[in-house]
N, C-alpha and C. Protein backbone atom coordinates (compact mmCIF):
# COMPACT_ATOMS: atom_id res chain seq x y z
N MET A 1 0.84 -1.16 0.00
CA MET A 1 0.00 0.00 0.00
C MET A 1 0.89 1.23 0.00
N CYS A 2 0.41 2.23 -0.70
CA CYS A 2 1.15 3.49 -0.78
C CYS A 2 0.24 4.62 -0.30
N TYR A 3 0.82 5.53 0.40
CA TYR A 3 0.10 6.72 0.86
C TYR A 3 0.71 7.93 0.19
N LEU A 4 -0.14 8.83 -0.21
CA LEU A 4 0.33 10.05 -0.83
C LEU A 4 0.53 11.07 0.27
N GLY A 5 1.72 11.59 0.41
CA GLY A 5 2.02 12.58 1.44
C GLY A 5 3.19 13.42 1.02
N LEU A 6 3.60 14.30 1.86
CA LEU A 6 4.72 15.17 1.54
C LEU A 6 6.00 14.39 1.35
N ASP A 7 6.10 13.26 2.02
CA ASP A 7 7.33 12.49 1.90
C ASP A 7 7.48 11.85 0.53
N SER A 8 6.40 11.80 -0.24
CA SER A 8 6.49 11.22 -1.59
C SER A 8 6.84 12.27 -2.64
N LEU A 9 6.87 13.55 -2.27
CA LEU A 9 7.22 14.62 -3.20
C LEU A 9 8.72 14.88 -3.15
N PRO A 10 9.23 15.42 -4.23
CA PRO A 10 10.66 15.78 -4.20
C PRO A 10 10.91 16.85 -3.13
N LEU A 11 12.11 16.93 -2.60
CA LEU A 11 12.47 17.84 -1.52
C LEU A 11 12.20 19.29 -1.87
N SER A 12 12.46 19.70 -3.09
CA SER A 12 12.23 21.09 -3.49
C SER A 12 10.75 21.42 -3.47
N MET A 13 9.91 20.46 -3.82
CA MET A 13 8.47 20.66 -3.81
C MET A 13 7.98 20.81 -2.36
N ASN A 14 8.56 20.06 -1.42
CA ASN A 14 8.22 20.18 0.00
C ASN A 14 8.49 21.57 0.50
N LYS A 15 9.65 22.13 0.14
CA LYS A 15 10.02 23.47 0.57
C LYS A 15 9.04 24.51 0.02
N ILE A 16 8.60 24.32 -1.21
CA ILE A 16 7.66 25.26 -1.82
C ILE A 16 6.32 25.21 -1.09
N ILE A 17 5.84 24.02 -0.80
CA ILE A 17 4.55 23.87 -0.12
C ILE A 17 4.62 24.45 1.29
N VAL A 18 5.69 24.18 2.02
CA VAL A 18 5.85 24.70 3.37
C VAL A 18 5.91 26.23 3.32
N THR A 19 6.62 26.78 2.35
CA THR A 19 6.72 28.23 2.20
C THR A 19 5.36 28.84 1.91
N ILE A 20 4.58 28.22 1.03
CA ILE A 20 3.25 28.73 0.69
C ILE A 20 2.34 28.69 1.92
N VAL A 21 2.37 27.60 2.67
CA VAL A 21 1.54 27.49 3.87
C VAL A 21 1.92 28.56 4.89
N LEU A 22 3.21 28.77 5.09
CA LEU A 22 3.66 29.81 6.02
C LEU A 22 3.23 31.20 5.56
N LEU A 23 3.35 31.47 4.26
CA LEU A 23 2.92 32.77 3.73
C LEU A 23 1.42 32.98 3.89
N LEU A 24 0.64 31.94 3.67
CA LEU A 24 -0.81 32.04 3.86
C LEU A 24 -1.15 32.30 5.32
N ALA A 25 -0.47 31.60 6.22
CA ALA A 25 -0.72 31.80 7.65
C ALA A 25 -0.33 33.22 8.07
N LEU A 26 0.81 33.69 7.57
CA LEU A 26 1.25 35.04 7.89
C LEU A 26 0.28 36.08 7.35
N THR A 27 -0.20 35.90 6.12
CA THR A 27 -1.16 36.83 5.52
C THR A 27 -2.46 36.84 6.31
N ALA A 28 -2.95 35.67 6.68
CA ALA A 28 -4.19 35.58 7.46
C ALA A 28 -4.02 36.28 8.81
N GLY A 29 -2.87 36.08 9.45
CA GLY A 29 -2.61 36.73 10.73
C GLY A 29 -2.57 38.25 10.59
N LEU A 30 -1.91 38.74 9.55
CA LEU A 30 -1.84 40.19 9.34
C LEU A 30 -3.21 40.78 9.05
N LEU A 31 -4.01 40.08 8.24
CA LEU A 31 -5.37 40.56 7.97
C LEU A 31 -6.20 40.61 9.24
N TYR A 32 -6.08 39.58 10.08
CA TYR A 32 -6.82 39.55 11.34
C TYR A 32 -6.37 40.69 12.25
N MET A 33 -5.07 40.85 12.41
CA MET A 33 -4.56 41.90 13.29
C MET A 33 -4.94 43.28 12.77
N GLY A 34 -4.93 43.47 11.49
CA GLY A 34 -5.34 44.75 10.92
C GLY A 34 -6.78 45.06 11.26
N GLY A 35 -7.65 44.08 11.18
CA GLY A 35 -9.05 44.26 11.56
C GLY A 35 -9.19 44.50 13.05
N PHE A 36 -8.38 43.82 13.87
CA PHE A 36 -8.43 43.99 15.32
C PHE A 36 -8.06 45.41 15.70
N PHE A 37 -6.98 45.93 15.14
CA PHE A 37 -6.55 47.28 15.49
C PHE A 37 -7.55 48.31 15.00
N LYS A 38 -8.16 48.09 13.86
CA LYS A 38 -9.17 49.04 13.39
C LYS A 38 -10.35 49.06 14.35
N ASN A 39 -10.80 47.88 14.82
CA ASN A 39 -11.91 47.82 15.76
C ASN A 39 -11.54 48.48 17.09
N GLU A 40 -10.29 48.26 17.54
CA GLU A 40 -9.85 48.86 18.79
C GLU A 40 -9.84 50.38 18.66
N GLN A 41 -9.38 50.89 17.52
CA GLN A 41 -9.36 52.34 17.31
C GLN A 41 -10.79 52.89 17.24
N ALA A 42 -11.69 52.17 16.59
CA ALA A 42 -13.08 52.61 16.51
C ALA A 42 -13.70 52.64 17.91
N GLU A 43 -13.38 51.63 18.75
CA GLU A 43 -13.92 51.58 20.12
C GLU A 43 -13.38 52.74 20.94
N LYS A 44 -12.08 53.04 20.81
CA LYS A 44 -11.51 54.18 21.54
C LYS A 44 -12.17 55.47 21.11
N SER A 45 -12.41 55.61 19.81
CA SER A 45 -13.05 56.82 19.29
C SER A 45 -14.47 56.95 19.84
N ARG A 46 -15.20 55.82 19.87
CA ARG A 46 -16.57 55.84 20.38
C ARG A 46 -16.59 56.21 21.85
N LEU A 47 -15.65 55.67 22.63
CA LEU A 47 -15.61 55.97 24.07
C LEU A 47 -15.21 57.41 24.33
N THR A 48 -14.40 57.98 23.45
CA THR A 48 -14.01 59.38 23.61
C THR A 48 -15.21 60.29 23.33
N GLU A 49 -15.99 59.93 22.31
CA GLU A 49 -17.15 60.75 21.96
C GLU A 49 -18.29 60.59 22.97
N ASN A 50 -18.52 59.36 23.44
CA ASN A 50 -19.59 59.07 24.40
C ASN A 50 -19.02 58.25 25.55
N PRO A 51 -18.28 58.88 26.46
CA PRO A 51 -17.69 58.08 27.53
C PRO A 51 -18.77 57.45 28.41
N PRO A 52 -18.51 56.23 28.91
CA PRO A 52 -19.50 55.60 29.78
C PRO A 52 -19.61 56.37 31.09
N LYS A 53 -20.80 56.33 31.68
CA LYS A 53 -21.00 57.01 32.95
C LYS A 53 -20.24 56.27 34.04
N VAL A 54 -19.57 57.04 34.85
CA VAL A 54 -18.79 56.46 35.94
C VAL A 54 -19.74 56.11 37.08
N ASN A 55 -19.54 54.95 37.65
CA ASN A 55 -20.28 54.57 38.85
C ASN A 55 -19.28 53.89 39.78
N ALA A 56 -18.71 54.69 40.67
CA ALA A 56 -17.67 54.19 41.57
C ALA A 56 -18.23 53.53 42.83
N TYR A 57 -19.55 53.49 42.96
CA TYR A 57 -20.14 52.85 44.13
C TYR A 57 -19.82 51.36 44.13
N PRO A 58 -19.68 50.77 45.30
CA PRO A 58 -19.43 49.33 45.38
C PRO A 58 -20.70 48.54 45.05
N PHE A 59 -20.52 47.28 44.71
CA PHE A 59 -21.65 46.37 44.50
C PHE A 59 -22.04 45.84 45.89
N LEU A 60 -22.66 46.70 46.65
CA LEU A 60 -22.96 46.42 48.04
C LEU A 60 -24.46 46.44 48.25
N ARG A 61 -25.01 45.36 48.79
CA ARG A 61 -26.45 45.28 49.05
C ARG A 61 -26.74 45.96 50.38
N LEU A 62 -27.69 46.89 50.36
CA LEU A 62 -28.10 47.63 51.55
C LEU A 62 -29.48 47.13 51.95
N ILE A 63 -29.56 46.53 53.11
CA ILE A 63 -30.81 45.91 53.58
C ILE A 63 -31.42 46.79 54.67
N SER A 64 -32.66 47.22 54.45
CA SER A 64 -33.37 48.06 55.43
C SER A 64 -34.04 47.18 56.48
N ALA A 65 -34.43 47.79 57.58
CA ALA A 65 -35.08 47.06 58.67
C ALA A 65 -36.39 46.42 58.24
N ASP A 66 -37.06 47.01 57.23
CA ASP A 66 -38.32 46.44 56.76
C ASP A 66 -38.10 45.26 55.80
N GLY A 67 -36.86 44.89 55.56
CA GLY A 67 -36.55 43.75 54.70
C GLY A 67 -36.28 44.12 53.25
N SER A 68 -36.58 45.34 52.87
CA SER A 68 -36.31 45.74 51.49
C SER A 68 -34.80 45.94 51.31
N SER A 69 -34.35 45.80 50.09
CA SER A 69 -32.92 46.01 49.85
C SER A 69 -32.71 46.72 48.52
N ARG A 70 -31.56 47.30 48.40
CA ARG A 70 -31.16 48.00 47.18
C ARG A 70 -29.65 47.87 47.07
N SER A 71 -29.15 48.16 45.90
CA SER A 71 -27.71 48.16 45.68
C SER A 71 -27.18 49.57 45.90
N ALA A 72 -26.01 49.67 46.48
CA ALA A 72 -25.38 50.99 46.64
C ALA A 72 -25.18 51.64 45.27
N ARG A 73 -24.99 50.84 44.23
CA ARG A 73 -24.78 51.38 42.88
C ARG A 73 -26.01 52.10 42.34
N ASP A 74 -27.17 51.87 42.95
CA ASP A 74 -28.41 52.53 42.51
C ASP A 74 -28.66 53.85 43.22
N LEU A 75 -27.81 54.21 44.16
CA LEU A 75 -28.01 55.46 44.90
C LEU A 75 -27.83 56.65 43.97
N THR A 76 -28.60 57.69 44.25
CA THR A 76 -28.50 58.92 43.46
C THR A 76 -28.17 60.07 44.41
N SER A 77 -27.83 61.19 43.89
CA SER A 77 -27.42 62.39 44.62
C SER A 77 -26.08 62.17 45.32
N LYS A 78 -25.73 63.05 46.22
CA LYS A 78 -24.46 62.93 46.95
C LYS A 78 -24.70 62.02 48.15
N ASN A 79 -23.79 61.08 48.35
CA ASN A 79 -23.96 60.09 49.41
C ASN A 79 -22.66 59.88 50.17
N ILE A 80 -22.83 59.46 51.40
CA ILE A 80 -21.70 59.04 52.22
C ILE A 80 -22.03 57.65 52.75
N LEU A 81 -21.12 56.72 52.53
CA LEU A 81 -21.26 55.37 53.07
C LEU A 81 -20.32 55.24 54.25
N ILE A 82 -20.85 54.80 55.37
CA ILE A 82 -20.03 54.60 56.57
C ILE A 82 -20.18 53.15 57.01
N ILE A 83 -19.09 52.41 56.93
CA ILE A 83 -19.08 51.02 57.40
C ILE A 83 -18.69 51.07 58.88
N PHE A 84 -19.54 50.51 59.74
CA PHE A 84 -19.30 50.62 61.19
C PHE A 84 -19.76 49.36 61.92
N PHE A 85 -19.33 49.26 63.16
CA PHE A 85 -19.82 48.26 64.11
C PHE A 85 -20.38 49.02 65.30
N PRO A 86 -21.58 48.70 65.75
CA PRO A 86 -22.19 49.43 66.87
C PRO A 86 -21.36 49.41 68.16
N ASP A 87 -20.63 48.33 68.40
CA ASP A 87 -19.87 48.25 69.65
C ASP A 87 -18.41 48.70 69.51
N CYS A 88 -18.06 49.28 68.38
CA CYS A 88 -16.70 49.77 68.13
C CYS A 88 -16.55 51.17 68.73
N ASP A 89 -15.60 51.35 69.64
CA ASP A 89 -15.47 52.66 70.28
C ASP A 89 -15.04 53.74 69.29
N HIS A 90 -14.27 53.41 68.27
CA HIS A 90 -13.89 54.39 67.24
C HIS A 90 -15.14 54.83 66.46
N CYS A 91 -16.00 53.88 66.16
CA CYS A 91 -17.25 54.18 65.43
C CYS A 91 -18.16 55.05 66.30
N GLN A 92 -18.18 54.77 67.57
CA GLN A 92 -19.02 55.55 68.49
C GLN A 92 -18.55 57.00 68.58
N ARG A 93 -17.24 57.20 68.66
CA ARG A 93 -16.71 58.58 68.70
C ARG A 93 -17.00 59.31 67.38
N GLU A 94 -16.85 58.59 66.25
CA GLU A 94 -17.14 59.20 64.94
C GLU A 94 -18.62 59.58 64.85
N ALA A 95 -19.50 58.70 65.32
CA ALA A 95 -20.94 58.98 65.31
C ALA A 95 -21.27 60.20 66.16
N LYS A 96 -20.63 60.32 67.32
CA LYS A 96 -20.86 61.47 68.19
C LYS A 96 -20.45 62.77 67.48
N GLU A 97 -19.33 62.75 66.79
CA GLU A 97 -18.86 63.94 66.06
C GLU A 97 -19.80 64.28 64.90
N ILE A 98 -20.27 63.26 64.19
CA ILE A 98 -21.24 63.49 63.10
C ILE A 98 -22.51 64.09 63.68
N SER A 99 -22.97 63.55 64.81
CA SER A 99 -24.18 64.07 65.46
C SER A 99 -24.02 65.53 65.86
N ASN A 100 -22.82 65.91 66.27
CA ASN A 100 -22.55 67.30 66.66
C ASN A 100 -22.43 68.24 65.46
N HIS A 101 -22.30 67.70 64.26
CA HIS A 101 -22.11 68.52 63.05
C HIS A 101 -23.13 68.15 61.96
N LEU A 102 -24.35 67.84 62.36
CA LEU A 102 -25.36 67.36 61.39
C LEU A 102 -25.61 68.36 60.25
N LYS A 103 -25.56 69.64 60.52
CA LYS A 103 -25.83 70.64 59.46
C LYS A 103 -24.84 70.51 58.31
N ALA A 104 -23.61 70.14 58.61
CA ALA A 104 -22.59 70.00 57.56
C ALA A 104 -22.90 68.84 56.61
N PHE A 105 -23.72 67.88 57.06
CA PHE A 105 -24.05 66.71 56.25
C PHE A 105 -25.40 66.85 55.56
N ALA A 106 -26.02 68.01 55.66
CA ALA A 106 -27.39 68.21 55.15
C ALA A 106 -27.52 67.97 53.64
N ASP A 107 -26.48 68.21 52.87
CA ASP A 107 -26.54 68.03 51.41
C ASP A 107 -26.27 66.59 50.98
N TYR A 108 -26.08 65.70 51.93
CA TYR A 108 -25.74 64.30 51.64
C TYR A 108 -26.78 63.36 52.22
N GLN A 109 -26.92 62.22 51.56
CA GLN A 109 -27.61 61.09 52.15
C GLN A 109 -26.51 60.26 52.81
N VAL A 110 -26.63 60.03 54.10
CA VAL A 110 -25.58 59.34 54.85
C VAL A 110 -26.10 57.94 55.19
N TRP A 111 -25.34 56.94 54.75
CA TRP A 111 -25.72 55.55 54.94
C TRP A 111 -24.78 54.90 55.95
N PHE A 112 -25.30 54.60 57.13
CA PHE A 112 -24.55 53.86 58.13
C PHE A 112 -24.80 52.38 57.84
N ILE A 113 -23.74 51.66 57.54
CA ILE A 113 -23.86 50.27 57.09
C ILE A 113 -23.09 49.36 58.04
N SER A 114 -23.77 48.33 58.52
CA SER A 114 -23.14 47.40 59.45
C SER A 114 -23.55 45.96 59.13
N THR A 115 -22.75 45.03 59.61
CA THR A 115 -23.12 43.61 59.50
C THR A 115 -23.77 43.12 60.79
N ALA A 116 -23.98 44.02 61.74
CA ALA A 116 -24.59 43.68 63.03
C ALA A 116 -26.10 43.48 62.86
N SER A 117 -26.74 43.08 63.93
CA SER A 117 -28.19 42.88 63.91
C SER A 117 -28.89 44.24 63.89
N PHE A 118 -30.14 44.26 63.44
CA PHE A 118 -30.90 45.50 63.44
C PHE A 118 -31.15 46.02 64.86
N ILE A 119 -31.24 45.14 65.82
CA ILE A 119 -31.41 45.57 67.22
C ILE A 119 -30.22 46.43 67.63
N ASP A 120 -29.00 45.96 67.33
CA ASP A 120 -27.79 46.71 67.68
C ASP A 120 -27.65 47.99 66.85
N ILE A 121 -28.02 47.91 65.59
CA ILE A 121 -27.93 49.09 64.71
C ILE A 121 -28.90 50.17 65.20
N ASP A 122 -30.14 49.79 65.52
CA ASP A 122 -31.14 50.75 66.00
C ASP A 122 -30.71 51.38 67.33
N ARG A 123 -30.16 50.58 68.22
CA ARG A 123 -29.69 51.09 69.50
C ARG A 123 -28.58 52.13 69.27
N PHE A 124 -27.67 51.83 68.37
CA PHE A 124 -26.57 52.75 68.03
C PHE A 124 -27.14 54.08 67.51
N ALA A 125 -28.10 54.01 66.59
CA ALA A 125 -28.70 55.22 66.01
C ALA A 125 -29.36 56.07 67.10
N LYS A 126 -30.06 55.43 68.03
CA LYS A 126 -30.72 56.16 69.12
C LYS A 126 -29.71 56.73 70.11
N ASP A 127 -28.70 55.94 70.46
CA ASP A 127 -27.70 56.39 71.43
C ASP A 127 -26.99 57.66 70.97
N TYR A 128 -26.77 57.79 69.67
CA TYR A 128 -26.03 58.95 69.15
C TYR A 128 -26.95 59.97 68.48
N LYS A 129 -28.25 59.85 68.75
CA LYS A 129 -29.26 60.81 68.28
C LYS A 129 -29.18 61.03 66.76
N LEU A 130 -29.06 59.92 66.06
CA LEU A 130 -28.97 59.96 64.60
C LEU A 130 -30.20 59.34 63.94
N ASN A 131 -31.11 58.82 64.76
CA ASN A 131 -32.25 58.05 64.24
C ASN A 131 -33.38 58.89 63.66
N ASP A 132 -33.48 60.16 64.01
CA ASP A 132 -34.61 60.97 63.54
C ASP A 132 -34.22 61.97 62.45
N GLN A 133 -33.17 61.70 61.73
CA GLN A 133 -32.71 62.59 60.66
C GLN A 133 -33.13 62.00 59.31
N ALA A 134 -33.80 62.80 58.50
CA ALA A 134 -34.32 62.31 57.21
C ALA A 134 -33.21 61.87 56.25
N ASN A 135 -32.04 62.45 56.36
CA ASN A 135 -30.98 62.11 55.41
C ASN A 135 -30.01 61.05 55.94
N LEU A 136 -30.30 60.52 57.12
CA LEU A 136 -29.45 59.46 57.68
C LEU A 136 -30.19 58.13 57.61
N HIS A 137 -29.51 57.13 57.10
CA HIS A 137 -30.12 55.81 56.90
C HIS A 137 -29.26 54.75 57.58
N PHE A 138 -29.92 53.85 58.29
CA PHE A 138 -29.22 52.77 58.97
C PHE A 138 -29.63 51.45 58.32
N VAL A 139 -28.67 50.78 57.73
CA VAL A 139 -28.93 49.55 56.99
C VAL A 139 -27.87 48.52 57.37
N ARG A 140 -28.14 47.31 56.98
CA ARG A 140 -27.15 46.27 57.20
C ARG A 140 -26.77 45.65 55.87
N THR A 141 -25.67 44.96 55.88
CA THR A 141 -25.20 44.21 54.72
C THR A 141 -24.58 42.93 55.24
N GLU A 142 -24.18 42.09 54.35
CA GLU A 142 -23.57 40.81 54.73
C GLU A 142 -22.05 40.92 54.68
N ILE A 143 -21.38 40.16 55.52
CA ILE A 143 -19.92 40.18 55.58
C ILE A 143 -19.29 39.90 54.21
N PRO A 144 -19.76 38.90 53.44
CA PRO A 144 -19.15 38.67 52.13
C PRO A 144 -19.24 39.89 51.19
N ASP A 145 -20.34 40.66 51.30
CA ASP A 145 -20.47 41.87 50.48
C ASP A 145 -19.38 42.88 50.82
N VAL A 146 -19.11 43.04 52.11
CA VAL A 146 -18.06 43.97 52.53
C VAL A 146 -16.70 43.47 52.03
N LEU A 147 -16.42 42.21 52.27
CA LEU A 147 -15.13 41.65 51.88
C LEU A 147 -14.92 41.69 50.36
N ASN A 148 -15.96 41.39 49.60
CA ASN A 148 -15.84 41.39 48.14
C ASN A 148 -15.62 42.79 47.57
N ASN A 149 -16.14 43.80 48.25
CA ASN A 149 -16.03 45.16 47.73
C ASN A 149 -14.85 45.94 48.31
N PHE A 150 -14.53 45.70 49.58
CA PHE A 150 -13.50 46.51 50.23
C PHE A 150 -12.32 45.69 50.73
N GLY A 151 -12.48 44.39 50.80
CA GLY A 151 -11.46 43.58 51.44
C GLY A 151 -11.57 43.75 52.94
N THR A 152 -10.51 43.42 53.64
CA THR A 152 -10.50 43.61 55.09
C THR A 152 -10.31 45.09 55.36
N ILE A 153 -11.22 45.69 56.10
CA ILE A 153 -11.12 47.12 56.40
C ILE A 153 -11.23 47.34 57.89
N ILE A 154 -10.76 48.50 58.32
CA ILE A 154 -10.94 48.88 59.72
C ILE A 154 -12.18 49.76 59.80
N THR A 155 -12.78 49.77 60.97
CA THR A 155 -13.98 50.59 61.15
C THR A 155 -13.69 51.72 62.11
N PRO A 156 -14.34 52.83 61.91
CA PRO A 156 -15.25 53.10 60.79
C PRO A 156 -14.47 53.41 59.52
N SER A 157 -15.06 53.08 58.39
CA SER A 157 -14.54 53.49 57.09
C SER A 157 -15.63 54.33 56.44
N LEU A 158 -15.25 55.48 55.94
CA LEU A 158 -16.21 56.45 55.42
C LEU A 158 -15.85 56.78 53.97
N TYR A 159 -16.84 56.73 53.08
CA TYR A 159 -16.63 56.95 51.65
C TYR A 159 -17.59 58.06 51.19
N ILE A 160 -17.04 59.12 50.64
CA ILE A 160 -17.84 60.26 50.18
C ILE A 160 -17.94 60.18 48.66
N TYR A 161 -19.19 60.26 48.14
CA TYR A 161 -19.44 60.17 46.70
C TYR A 161 -20.12 61.43 46.19
N SER A 162 -19.76 61.83 44.99
CA SER A 162 -20.38 63.00 44.36
C SER A 162 -21.72 62.62 43.75
N ALA A 163 -22.48 63.61 43.31
CA ALA A 163 -23.75 63.36 42.65
C ALA A 163 -23.54 62.62 41.33
N GLU A 164 -22.32 62.69 40.79
CA GLU A 164 -21.98 61.99 39.54
C GLU A 164 -21.50 60.56 39.79
N LYS A 165 -21.68 60.06 41.02
CA LYS A 165 -21.34 58.70 41.41
C LYS A 165 -19.85 58.42 41.42
N LYS A 166 -19.06 59.46 41.63
CA LYS A 166 -17.61 59.31 41.71
C LYS A 166 -17.18 59.36 43.17
N LEU A 167 -16.21 58.52 43.51
CA LEU A 167 -15.66 58.55 44.86
C LEU A 167 -14.83 59.81 45.00
N VAL A 168 -15.19 60.63 45.99
CA VAL A 168 -14.49 61.89 46.25
C VAL A 168 -13.34 61.66 47.22
N LYS A 169 -13.64 60.93 48.30
CA LYS A 169 -12.64 60.72 49.34
C LYS A 169 -13.02 59.50 50.16
N ALA A 170 -12.01 58.75 50.58
CA ALA A 170 -12.23 57.60 51.47
C ALA A 170 -11.39 57.79 52.72
N PHE A 171 -12.00 57.52 53.86
CA PHE A 171 -11.30 57.59 55.14
C PHE A 171 -11.36 56.21 55.77
N LYS A 172 -10.22 55.66 56.12
CA LYS A 172 -10.16 54.34 56.75
C LYS A 172 -9.76 54.52 58.20
N GLY A 173 -10.65 54.13 59.09
CA GLY A 173 -10.38 54.27 60.51
C GLY A 173 -10.92 55.59 61.03
N GLU A 174 -10.87 55.74 62.33
CA GLU A 174 -11.38 56.95 62.97
C GLU A 174 -10.64 58.17 62.41
N THR A 175 -11.41 59.17 62.00
CA THR A 175 -10.86 60.37 61.38
C THR A 175 -11.41 61.60 62.08
N LYS A 176 -10.57 62.60 62.26
CA LYS A 176 -11.03 63.85 62.88
C LYS A 176 -12.13 64.46 62.02
N ILE A 177 -13.16 64.94 62.66
CA ILE A 177 -14.32 65.49 61.96
C ILE A 177 -13.93 66.65 61.05
N GLU A 178 -12.94 67.43 61.43
CA GLU A 178 -12.52 68.57 60.60
C GLU A 178 -12.00 68.10 59.25
N GLU A 179 -11.30 66.97 59.25
CA GLU A 179 -10.78 66.43 58.00
C GLU A 179 -11.92 65.95 57.10
N ILE A 180 -12.91 65.32 57.70
CA ILE A 180 -14.08 64.86 56.92
C ILE A 180 -14.83 66.07 56.37
N LEU A 181 -15.05 67.07 57.19
CA LEU A 181 -15.81 68.24 56.77
C LEU A 181 -15.12 68.97 55.62
N ARG A 182 -13.80 68.98 55.58
CA ARG A 182 -13.06 69.62 54.47
C ARG A 182 -13.33 68.93 53.13
N SER A 183 -13.73 67.67 53.17
CA SER A 183 -13.97 66.92 51.93
C SER A 183 -15.42 66.97 51.46
N LEU A 184 -16.29 67.58 52.26
CA LEU A 184 -17.70 67.65 51.86
C LEU A 184 -17.93 68.76 50.85
């Protein structure tokens, strides 16, 4: 039995076939890359003309005491997210300072976010006289949501966002109220 293959052709014919195959592969690669770069340039041009809206909010689920929930990414206007623990003394001092300067936060929706129970969250809000303010919200989230969005953080951690959903400033750990107020 005989098989027809490259080994049955003269050596010079093998070189010609290999050269043609390599040239075809090279041409196909160049044509593909040329199309890729044109598409990349078109995409850059499109993004320059119509840049996507920035949304720097974390993918963090905010759960209200009534059981309803929303994503932090859906928040509108200027917002401040404060990750806290009700029994954290640093968080308690920060809450007392915020309570003493409520007028400075009037243009913001302030979200106090904890992984604690609603009983502890409500007690914290009442203890620091923050529970009867229309622009202050006390919600909970789950530990995996915090870890997935922020990693391991110290409390309190405070994040200030503009009305355009851009992160303006982040404070990790207890921060002097004057420093926070300068960023509002």
